[in-house]
Amino acid sequence: MSYLFGLIGYPAKHSKSPWIHEQFLKKQGEQGAYRIFETSPDLLKDKLQALKMIEIDGFNVTVPYKEEIIPYLDEVDSYASSVGAVNTVHVQDGKWIGYNTDGKGYVRSLLEEYPDTNLNKTRVLLLGAGGAARGIYRALAEAGAPVIDIANRTASRGEALRKLRCESTESAVLSLEKAEEGLSHYDLVVQTTSVGMTPNESDQIISLRNVSHNAIVSDIVYKPFETSILKEAKNRGARVLNGHGMLIYQAALAFEQWTETFVEANDIVTKFEQQLKGDTTC
């Protein structure tokens, strides 16, 4: 069997997804290809109709279409429905079924890097309340995190995110200033915005002057490999989680959905890390 996968988004031509999924195909001994379908918003409907006509097994969805794709799907699984966004579509018996692997990919990257983490006892601070934060919030809540507070410049967006909590999850919406003051109360700090992304590497959403030495500070940005906030976390003795792991593991979960196999992706995380650090041998 030869698979056909792809990615729809705009812009998308510089995506690392083809390389990542080619690694998965090789690792699993499968034949197939992964194509980029970069599509401007005015052509989205036509492109989706064209995808319906080819024998594609599944595709990923990236910005700005994670919400816009939903009306075109035949089904959406309960988790993606609760998050309100789809990043993975599996074609089964001609039906397009939507999933969201972003948040679960983040949790998997966290537990792969720090397997001693007990999420049932982890107090979390999310920085930002955008699309990435939605998936991460819900995944952490379902994993049992008892406290997930949200710090965002716009309180209304934080309140909208807070509605995704599980019954056992306590959540408060804070200003960035209040979050900075109370940073010592958290075991896990997750930076979910684009602040600090290349080419604005010196930008940082908050200071970590009050961070706990036992805390994990995480940034979902993966370019640069070590963002400003992660550098400060290291300097202050905290543990860090780089953003590239989330990218690999959310892709692995999509691949697993499409192929009904399990991908051991640790070595691919390492290869990708080497690429980000400028090692062109991988």
Foldseek 3Di string as FASTA:
>chain_A
DEAEEEEEEPPDPPDCLQVLVVVQCVVVVHHYGYYYDYDDPVCVVVVVVVVLVDPHFKYFYDPPCQQVCVVVFPEEDPLCVLLNGFGMWGQDPSGTYTDFLLQVLVVVLVCVVPVVDQLLDFAEEEEDQDSSVSSVQLSSQVSHNQEYEYEYQDQVSRVVSVVSHDPNHDYYYDHLVVCLVVQCVGQEYEYEDCACAPPNQQGDSHQNPNHDLNHEYEYLHPVQVQGPNNVNNVVVNHHYRTNLSSVSSSSQVSVCVSPVDHDPCPVVSVVVSCVSVPNPPD
